[in-house]
Amino acid sequence: MPTVATSLKLPDDLKTRVEAAAEAAGKTPHAFMVDAIERETSRAELYETFIREAIEADEEAERTGLSYAAEDVYRYMADLAQGRAVKRPKPRTWRR
């Protein structure tokens, strides 16, 4: 993958911390910072996806009047975690 040079100015104390952490990780400070930037960028992108999907789910629940009961979801997830064969919970109408 092609790379583009950029400049990153760090406060002296942070630069010292990065150097120590990079050495402990067996990386160069440059590789350590690239990994950190990649990780944080991925986290921010995942967070944005989470927010967008939550808004979409809320809009769908408002539109359809359907949602899942928390106790059904908890039971389903617990059974899945224990390796049991389970059926997905059924949505319920929350409007009266």
C-alpha atoms as a PDB file:
ATOM      1  CA  MET A   1       0.000   0.000   0.000  1.00  0.00           C
ATOM      2  CA  PRO A   2       1.430   3.418  -0.867  1.00  0.00           C
ATOM      3  CA  THR A   3       2.245   5.653   2.067  1.00  0.00           C
ATOM      4  CA  VAL A   4       2.213   9.406   2.474  1.00  0.00           C
ATOM      5  CA  ALA A   5       4.586  11.247   4.755  1.00  0.00           C
ATOM      6  CA  THR A   6       3.102  13.404   7.462  1.00  0.00           C
ATOM      7  CA  SER A   7       4.444  15.275  10.443  1.00  0.00           C
ATOM      8  CA  LEU A   8       3.364  14.675  14.009  1.00  0.00           C
ATOM      9  CA  LYS A   9       4.635  16.967  16.743  1.00  0.00           C
ATOM     10  CA  LEU A  10       4.490  15.501  20.222  1.00  0.00           C
ATOM     11  CA  PRO A  11       5.041  17.079  23.615  1.00  0.00           C
ATOM     12  CA  ASP A  12       8.379  15.922  25.070  1.00  0.00           C
ATOM     13  CA  ASP A  13       6.756  13.895  27.852  1.00  0.00           C
ATOM     14  CA  LEU A  14       4.464  12.053  25.418  1.00  0.00           C
ATOM     15  CA  LYS A  15       7.371  11.335  23.065  1.00  0.00           C
ATOM     16  CA  THR A  16       9.276   9.797  25.986  1.00  0.00           C
ATOM     17  CA  ARG A  17       6.254   7.665  26.916  1.00  0.00           C
ATOM     18  CA  VAL A  18       5.769   6.537  23.302  1.00  0.00           C
ATOM     19  CA  GLU A  19       9.424   5.545  23.033  1.00  0.00           C
ATOM     20  CA  ALA A  20       9.218   3.506  26.251  1.00  0.00           C
ATOM     21  CA  ALA A  21       5.952   1.827  25.253  1.00  0.00           C
ATOM     22  CA  ALA A  22       7.256   1.088  21.757  1.00  0.00           C
ATOM     23  CA  GLU A  23      10.421  -0.477  23.134  1.00  0.00           C
ATOM     24  CA  ALA A  24       8.379  -2.617  25.545  1.00  0.00           C
ATOM     25  CA  ALA A  25       6.225  -3.747  22.604  1.00  0.00           C
ATOM     26  CA  GLY A  26       9.297  -4.527  20.499  1.00  0.00           C
ATOM     27  CA  LYS A  27       8.412  -1.893  17.909  1.00  0.00           C
ATOM     28  CA  THR A  28       9.876   1.313  16.609  1.00  0.00           C
ATOM     29  CA  PRO A  29       8.178   4.474  17.845  1.00  0.00           C
ATOM     30  CA  HIS A  30       6.969   5.038  14.274  1.00  0.00           C
ATOM     31  CA  ALA A  31       5.357   1.577  14.025  1.00  0.00           C
ATOM     32  CA  PHE A  32       3.881   1.990  17.501  1.00  0.00           C
ATOM     33  CA  MET A  33       2.251   5.312  16.537  1.00  0.00           C
ATOM     34  CA  VAL A  34       0.975   3.975  13.191  1.00  0.00           C
ATOM     35  CA  ASP A  35      -0.624   1.025  15.008  1.00  0.00           C
ATOM     36  CA  ALA A  36      -2.156   3.347  17.609  1.00  0.00           C
ATOM     37  CA  ILE A  37      -3.589   5.663  14.951  1.00  0.00           C
ATOM     38  CA  GLU A  38      -4.981   2.694  12.999  1.00  0.00           C
ATOM     39  CA  ARG A  39      -6.554   1.220  16.133  1.00  0.00           C
ATOM     40  CA  GLU A  40      -8.140   4.514  17.208  1.00  0.00           C
ATOM     41  CA  THR A  41      -9.402   5.234  13.694  1.00  0.00           C
ATOM     42  CA  SER A  42     -11.020   1.784  13.523  1.00  0.00           C
ATOM     43  CA  ARG A  43     -12.583   2.327  16.955  1.00  0.00           C
ATOM     44  CA  ALA A  44     -14.022   5.692  15.881  1.00  0.00           C
ATOM     45  CA  GLU A  45     -15.431   4.146  12.691  1.00  0.00           C
ATOM     46  CA  LEU A  46     -17.018   1.294  14.657  1.00  0.00           C
ATOM     47  CA  TYR A  47     -18.553   3.792  17.065  1.00  0.00           C
ATOM     48  CA  GLU A  48     -20.055   5.787  14.198  1.00  0.00           C
ATOM     49  CA  THR A  49     -21.498   2.566  12.725  1.00  0.00           C
ATOM     50  CA  PHE A  50     -22.929   1.643  16.129  1.00  0.00           C
ATOM     51  CA  ILE A  51     -24.616   5.045  16.477  1.00  0.00           C
ATOM     52  CA  ARG A  52     -26.021   4.928  12.925  1.00  0.00           C
ATOM     53  CA  GLU A  53     -27.390   1.396  13.424  1.00  0.00           C
ATOM     54  CA  ALA A  54     -28.900   2.339  16.798  1.00  0.00           C
ATOM     55  CA  ILE A  55     -30.709   5.294  15.225  1.00  0.00           C
ATOM     56  CA  GLU A  56     -31.945   3.085  12.383  1.00  0.00           C
ATOM     57  CA  ALA A  57     -33.178   0.451  14.873  1.00  0.00           C
ATOM     58  CA  ASP A  58     -34.979   3.103  16.903  1.00  0.00           C
ATOM     59  CA  GLU A  59     -36.633   4.478  13.771  1.00  0.00           C
ATOM     60  CA  GLU A  60     -37.701   0.954  12.753  1.00  0.00           C
ATOM     61  CA  ALA A  61     -39.169   0.286  16.215  1.00  0.00           C
ATOM     62  CA  GLU A  62     -41.115   3.545  16.035  1.00  0.00           C
ATOM     63  CA  ARG A  63     -42.326   2.751  12.514  1.00  0.00           C
ATOM     64  CA  THR A  64     -43.337  -0.881  13.138  1.00  0.00           C
ATOM     65  CA  GLY A  65     -44.229  -0.841  16.833  1.00  0.00           C
ATOM     66  CA  LEU A  66     -42.150  -3.996  17.318  1.00  0.00           C
ATOM     67  CA  SER A  67     -39.263  -4.659  19.689  1.00  0.00           C
ATOM     68  CA  TYR A  68     -37.692  -7.501  21.642  1.00  0.00           C
ATOM     69  CA  ALA A  69     -38.301  -8.082  25.332  1.00  0.00           C
ATOM     70  CA  ALA A  70     -35.053  -7.684  27.266  1.00  0.00           C
ATOM     71  CA  GLU A  71     -35.543 -10.942  29.182  1.00  0.00           C
ATOM     72  CA  ASP A  72     -35.957 -12.848  25.878  1.00  0.00           C
ATOM     73  CA  VAL A  73     -32.760 -11.315  24.489  1.00  0.00           C
ATOM     74  CA  TYR A  74     -30.789 -12.007  27.698  1.00  0.00           C
ATOM     75  CA  ARG A  75     -31.945 -15.636  27.735  1.00  0.00           C
ATOM     76  CA  TYR A  76     -31.124 -16.021  24.020  1.00  0.00           C
ATOM     77  CA  MET A  77     -27.623 -14.584  24.444  1.00  0.00           C
ATOM     78  CA  ALA A  78     -26.921 -16.689  27.552  1.00  0.00           C
ATOM     79  CA  ASP A  79     -28.017 -19.858  25.749  1.00  0.00           C
ATOM     80  CA  LEU A  80     -25.861 -18.981  22.728  1.00  0.00           C
ATOM     81  CA  ALA A  81     -22.857 -18.337  24.976  1.00  0.00           C
ATOM     82  CA  GLN A  82     -23.307 -21.778  26.532  1.00  0.00           C
ATOM     83  CA  GLY A  83     -23.452 -23.418  23.092  1.00  0.00           C
ATOM     84  CA  ARG A  84     -27.108 -24.374  23.237  1.00  0.00           C
ATOM     85  CA  ALA A  85     -29.201 -24.618  20.068  1.00  0.00           C
ATOM     86  CA  VAL A  86     -31.753 -21.837  20.400  1.00  0.00           C
ATOM     87  CA  LYS A  87     -34.349 -20.032  18.327  1.00  0.00           C
ATOM     88  CA  ARG A  88     -34.188 -16.285  17.968  1.00  0.00           C
ATOM     89  CA  PRO A  89     -36.683 -14.423  20.132  1.00  0.00           C
ATOM     90  CA  LYS A  90     -39.804 -13.121  18.452  1.00  0.00           C
ATOM     91  CA  PRO A  91     -40.475  -9.391  18.367  1.00  0.00           C
ATOM     92  CA  ARG A  92     -43.432  -8.117  20.382  1.00  0.00           C
ATOM     93  CA  THR A  93     -45.753  -5.208  19.828  1.00  0.00           C
ATOM     94  CA  TRP A  94     -45.166  -2.501  22.400  1.00  0.00           C
ATOM     95  CA  ARG A  95     -47.980  -0.231  21.230  1.00  0.00           C
ATOM     96  CA  ARG A  96     -51.396  -0.496  22.808  1.00  0.00           C
END
